[in-house]
Amino acid sequence: MVLRISTRIAEGTPVRLKLEGNLTGEWVVLLQHECRRYLDARETLELDLVGVGFIDRPGVAMVRGLLARNVRLVGASALVDALLGLEGFP
């Protein structure tokens, strides 16, 4: 399964990476590199997870690391929230 990453950059708003597919395997490394690019440039970053159906263990660890760097998650399904251990949190 492929992970599609679309980028939205608008003046005065966070950079938003819209993800579609499953965040597994080699796609975890790809997303990590893409996020690092914006974070190293001191951009505010959001991950739009509306189109994500599943995240494997390495993906969960990577996303939790991004949360520690103040990356905001939007649109995660109940399953993805549960996989991330975020169910019940705003």
N, C-alpha and C. Protein backbone atom coordinates (compact mmCIF):
# COMPACT_ATOMS: atom_id res chain seq x y z
N MET A 1 0.85 -1.19 0.00
CA MET A 1 0.00 0.00 0.00
C MET A 1 0.89 1.24 0.00
N VAL A 2 0.53 2.19 -0.78
CA VAL A 2 1.27 3.44 -0.91
C VAL A 2 0.74 4.46 0.09
N LEU A 3 1.63 5.32 0.55
CA LEU A 3 1.24 6.46 1.37
C LEU A 3 1.41 7.70 0.52
N ARG A 4 0.32 8.41 0.32
CA ARG A 4 0.37 9.66 -0.43
C ARG A 4 0.50 10.80 0.56
N ILE A 5 1.43 11.71 0.29
CA ILE A 5 1.64 12.89 1.14
C ILE A 5 1.43 14.13 0.28
N SER A 6 0.41 14.91 0.61
CA SER A 6 0.15 16.18 -0.07
C SER A 6 0.50 17.31 0.90
N THR A 7 1.12 18.34 0.36
CA THR A 7 1.56 19.46 1.21
C THR A 7 0.74 20.69 0.90
N ARG A 8 0.29 21.37 1.97
CA ARG A 8 -0.39 22.66 1.81
C ARG A 8 0.41 23.68 2.60
N ILE A 9 0.87 24.68 1.89
CA ILE A 9 1.61 25.77 2.51
C ILE A 9 0.90 27.07 2.17
N ALA A 10 0.45 27.78 3.20
CA ALA A 10 -0.21 29.07 3.00
C ALA A 10 0.37 30.05 4.01
N GLU A 11 0.61 31.25 3.56
CA GLU A 11 1.19 32.30 4.41
C GLU A 11 0.39 32.45 5.69
N GLY A 12 1.10 32.45 6.82
CA GLY A 12 0.47 32.69 8.11
C GLY A 12 -0.22 31.49 8.73
N THR A 13 -0.13 30.31 8.10
CA THR A 13 -0.73 29.11 8.65
C THR A 13 0.33 28.01 8.72
N PRO A 14 0.09 27.01 9.57
CA PRO A 14 1.05 25.91 9.64
C PRO A 14 1.14 25.16 8.32
N VAL A 15 2.28 24.56 8.07
CA VAL A 15 2.42 23.65 6.94
C VAL A 15 1.58 22.42 7.28
N ARG A 16 0.72 22.00 6.35
CA ARG A 16 -0.12 20.83 6.59
C ARG A 16 0.26 19.72 5.62
N LEU A 17 0.60 18.56 6.18
CA LEU A 17 0.86 17.37 5.38
C LEU A 17 -0.36 16.48 5.48
N LYS A 18 -1.03 16.27 4.35
CA LYS A 18 -2.21 15.42 4.30
C LYS A 18 -1.77 14.02 3.89
N LEU A 19 -2.09 13.04 4.73
CA LEU A 19 -1.67 11.67 4.49
C LEU A 19 -2.86 10.83 4.05
N GLU A 20 -2.60 9.96 3.05
CA GLU A 20 -3.63 9.04 2.58
C GLU A 20 -3.00 7.67 2.39
N GLY A 21 -3.55 6.68 3.07
CA GLY A 21 -3.03 5.32 2.99
C GLY A 21 -2.68 4.80 4.37
N ASN A 22 -1.75 3.85 4.41
CA ASN A 22 -1.30 3.28 5.68
C ASN A 22 0.11 3.75 5.97
N LEU A 23 0.34 4.12 7.21
CA LEU A 23 1.65 4.58 7.64
C LEU A 23 2.40 3.37 8.20
N THR A 24 3.06 2.65 7.29
CA THR A 24 3.73 1.41 7.63
C THR A 24 5.05 1.30 6.86
N GLY A 25 5.93 0.45 7.38
CA GLY A 25 7.15 0.09 6.67
C GLY A 25 7.96 1.28 6.20
N GLU A 26 8.35 1.22 4.93
CA GLU A 26 9.21 2.25 4.35
C GLU A 26 8.57 3.64 4.33
N TRP A 27 7.26 3.70 4.42
CA TRP A 27 6.57 5.00 4.37
C TRP A 27 6.80 5.80 5.65
N VAL A 28 7.08 5.10 6.74
CA VAL A 28 7.37 5.78 8.01
C VAL A 28 8.63 6.63 7.84
N VAL A 29 9.67 6.05 7.24
CA VAL A 29 10.93 6.76 7.02
C VAL A 29 10.72 7.94 6.08
N LEU A 30 9.94 7.74 5.03
CA LEU A 30 9.65 8.81 4.07
C LEU A 30 8.97 9.99 4.77
N LEU A 31 7.95 9.70 5.57
CA LEU A 31 7.24 10.78 6.27
C LEU A 31 8.15 11.46 7.29
N GLN A 32 8.98 10.68 7.96
CA GLN A 32 9.91 11.26 8.93
C GLN A 32 10.85 12.26 8.26
N HIS A 33 11.36 11.91 7.10
CA HIS A 33 12.24 12.83 6.37
C HIS A 33 11.49 14.09 5.93
N GLU A 34 10.27 13.91 5.46
CA GLU A 34 9.47 15.06 5.03
C GLU A 34 9.18 15.99 6.21
N CYS A 35 8.81 15.43 7.35
CA CYS A 35 8.53 16.25 8.53
C CYS A 35 9.80 16.96 9.02
N ARG A 36 10.90 16.24 9.03
CA ARG A 36 12.16 16.82 9.50
C ARG A 36 12.53 18.05 8.66
N ARG A 37 12.26 17.97 7.37
CA ARG A 37 12.57 19.10 6.48
C ARG A 37 11.89 20.37 6.96
N TYR A 38 10.63 20.29 7.32
CA TYR A 38 9.89 21.48 7.76
C TYR A 38 10.26 21.86 9.19
N LEU A 39 10.42 20.87 10.05
CA LEU A 39 10.76 21.16 11.44
C LEU A 39 12.15 21.79 11.56
N ASP A 40 13.10 21.32 10.75
CA ASP A 40 14.44 21.91 10.76
C ASP A 40 14.43 23.35 10.29
N ALA A 41 13.44 23.68 9.44
CA ALA A 41 13.28 25.06 8.96
C ALA A 41 12.43 25.89 9.93
N ARG A 42 12.13 25.29 11.09
CA ARG A 42 11.35 25.94 12.14
C ARG A 42 9.93 26.30 11.70
N GLU A 43 9.38 25.49 10.83
CA GLU A 43 7.99 25.66 10.42
C GLU A 43 7.06 25.01 11.44
N THR A 44 5.87 25.56 11.62
CA THR A 44 4.83 24.91 12.40
C THR A 44 4.20 23.86 11.50
N LEU A 45 4.02 22.66 12.03
CA LEU A 45 3.60 21.54 11.19
C LEU A 45 2.36 20.86 11.73
N GLU A 46 1.45 20.49 10.81
CA GLU A 46 0.26 19.72 11.12
C GLU A 46 0.25 18.48 10.23
N LEU A 47 -0.20 17.37 10.80
CA LEU A 47 -0.43 16.15 10.02
C LEU A 47 -1.92 15.92 9.95
N ASP A 48 -2.46 15.88 8.74
CA ASP A 48 -3.87 15.60 8.50
C ASP A 48 -3.98 14.09 8.28
N LEU A 49 -4.59 13.39 9.24
CA LEU A 49 -4.66 11.93 9.22
C LEU A 49 -6.02 11.40 8.77
N VAL A 50 -6.85 12.24 8.18
CA VAL A 50 -8.19 11.80 7.77
C VAL A 50 -8.12 10.57 6.87
N GLY A 51 -7.15 10.52 5.97
CA GLY A 51 -7.05 9.43 5.01
C GLY A 51 -6.19 8.26 5.45
N VAL A 52 -5.78 8.23 6.71
CA VAL A 52 -4.92 7.15 7.20
C VAL A 52 -5.78 6.05 7.81
N GLY A 53 -5.59 4.82 7.31
CA GLY A 53 -6.38 3.70 7.80
C GLY A 53 -5.69 2.89 8.88
N PHE A 54 -4.35 2.88 8.89
CA PHE A 54 -3.61 2.06 9.84
C PHE A 54 -2.21 2.63 10.03
N ILE A 55 -1.68 2.48 11.24
CA ILE A 55 -0.30 2.87 11.54
C ILE A 55 0.34 1.70 12.27
N ASP A 56 1.50 1.23 11.77
CA ASP A 56 2.20 0.13 12.44
C ASP A 56 3.02 0.66 13.61
N ARG A 57 3.68 -0.25 14.33
CA ARG A 57 4.43 0.13 15.53
C ARG A 57 5.50 1.19 15.27
N PRO A 58 6.35 1.03 14.24
CA PRO A 58 7.33 2.09 13.96
C PRO A 58 6.66 3.43 13.61
N GLY A 59 5.52 3.37 12.94
CA GLY A 59 4.78 4.59 12.62
C GLY A 59 4.25 5.27 13.87
N VAL A 60 3.73 4.47 14.80
CA VAL A 60 3.24 5.01 16.07
C VAL A 60 4.38 5.71 16.81
N ALA A 61 5.53 5.05 16.88
CA ALA A 61 6.68 5.64 17.58
C ALA A 61 7.11 6.95 16.92
N MET A 62 7.11 6.98 15.59
CA MET A 62 7.51 8.19 14.88
C MET A 62 6.51 9.32 15.11
N VAL A 63 5.22 9.02 15.03
CA VAL A 63 4.20 10.06 15.25
C VAL A 63 4.26 10.57 16.68
N ARG A 64 4.46 9.69 17.64
CA ARG A 64 4.59 10.15 19.04
C ARG A 64 5.80 11.07 19.19
N GLY A 65 6.89 10.77 18.48
CA GLY A 65 8.06 11.65 18.49
C GLY A 65 7.74 13.02 17.91
N LEU A 66 6.90 13.03 16.87
CA LEU A 66 6.48 14.30 16.27
C LEU A 66 5.61 15.09 17.24
N LEU A 67 4.75 14.40 17.97
CA LEU A 67 3.91 15.08 18.97
C LEU A 67 4.79 15.75 20.02
N ALA A 68 5.88 15.10 20.38
CA ALA A 68 6.81 15.67 21.36
C ALA A 68 7.48 16.92 20.81
N ARG A 69 7.50 17.06 19.48
CA ARG A 69 8.08 18.25 18.84
C ARG A 69 6.99 19.26 18.48
N ASN A 70 5.82 19.14 19.10
CA ASN A 70 4.70 20.06 18.94
C ASN A 70 4.05 20.02 17.57
N VAL A 71 4.17 18.90 16.87
CA VAL A 71 3.42 18.72 15.62
C VAL A 71 1.98 18.42 16.02
N ARG A 72 1.05 19.07 15.33
CA ARG A 72 -0.38 18.93 15.64
C ARG A 72 -0.98 17.88 14.71
N LEU A 73 -1.81 17.00 15.27
CA LEU A 73 -2.53 16.00 14.48
C LEU A 73 -3.96 16.46 14.30
N VAL A 74 -4.50 16.30 13.10
CA VAL A 74 -5.90 16.63 12.84
C VAL A 74 -6.54 15.48 12.07
N GLY A 75 -7.81 15.25 12.35
CA GLY A 75 -8.62 14.35 11.55
C GLY A 75 -8.38 12.87 11.72
N ALA A 76 -7.73 12.44 12.79
CA ALA A 76 -7.47 11.01 12.96
C ALA A 76 -8.76 10.26 13.28
N SER A 77 -8.90 9.07 12.72
CA SER A 77 -10.05 8.22 13.02
C SER A 77 -9.92 7.66 14.44
N ALA A 78 -10.99 7.07 14.93
CA ALA A 78 -10.97 6.47 16.26
C ALA A 78 -9.92 5.36 16.32
N LEU A 79 -9.78 4.58 15.24
CA LEU A 79 -8.78 3.51 15.20
C LEU A 79 -7.37 4.07 15.29
N VAL A 80 -7.08 5.10 14.51
CA VAL A 80 -5.75 5.70 14.52
C VAL A 80 -5.48 6.34 15.89
N ASP A 81 -6.46 7.02 16.46
CA ASP A 81 -6.30 7.58 17.81
C ASP A 81 -5.97 6.47 18.81
N ALA A 82 -6.68 5.33 18.70
CA ALA A 82 -6.44 4.21 19.61
C ALA A 82 -5.04 3.65 19.41
N LEU A 83 -4.62 3.48 18.15
CA LEU A 83 -3.28 2.97 17.88
C LEU A 83 -2.20 3.89 18.45
N LEU A 84 -2.45 5.20 18.40
CA LEU A 84 -1.52 6.18 18.93
C LEU A 84 -1.62 6.36 20.44
N GLY A 85 -2.66 5.76 21.02
CA GLY A 85 -2.88 5.90 22.46
C GLY A 85 -3.48 7.25 22.81
N LEU A 86 -4.21 7.86 21.88
CA LEU A 86 -4.74 9.21 22.08
C LEU A 86 -6.25 9.23 22.28
N GLU A 87 -6.91 8.08 22.30
CA GLU A 87 -8.36 8.09 22.40
C GLU A 87 -8.81 8.81 23.67
N GLY A 88 -9.82 9.63 23.52
CA GLY A 88 -10.33 10.38 24.65
C GLY A 88 -9.65 11.70 24.91
N PHE A 89 -8.63 12.04 24.10
CA PHE A 89 -7.94 13.31 24.24
C PHE A 89 -8.35 14.23 23.11
N PRO A 90 -8.50 15.53 23.37
CA PRO A 90 -8.86 16.46 22.29
C PRO A 90 -7.73 16.65 21.30
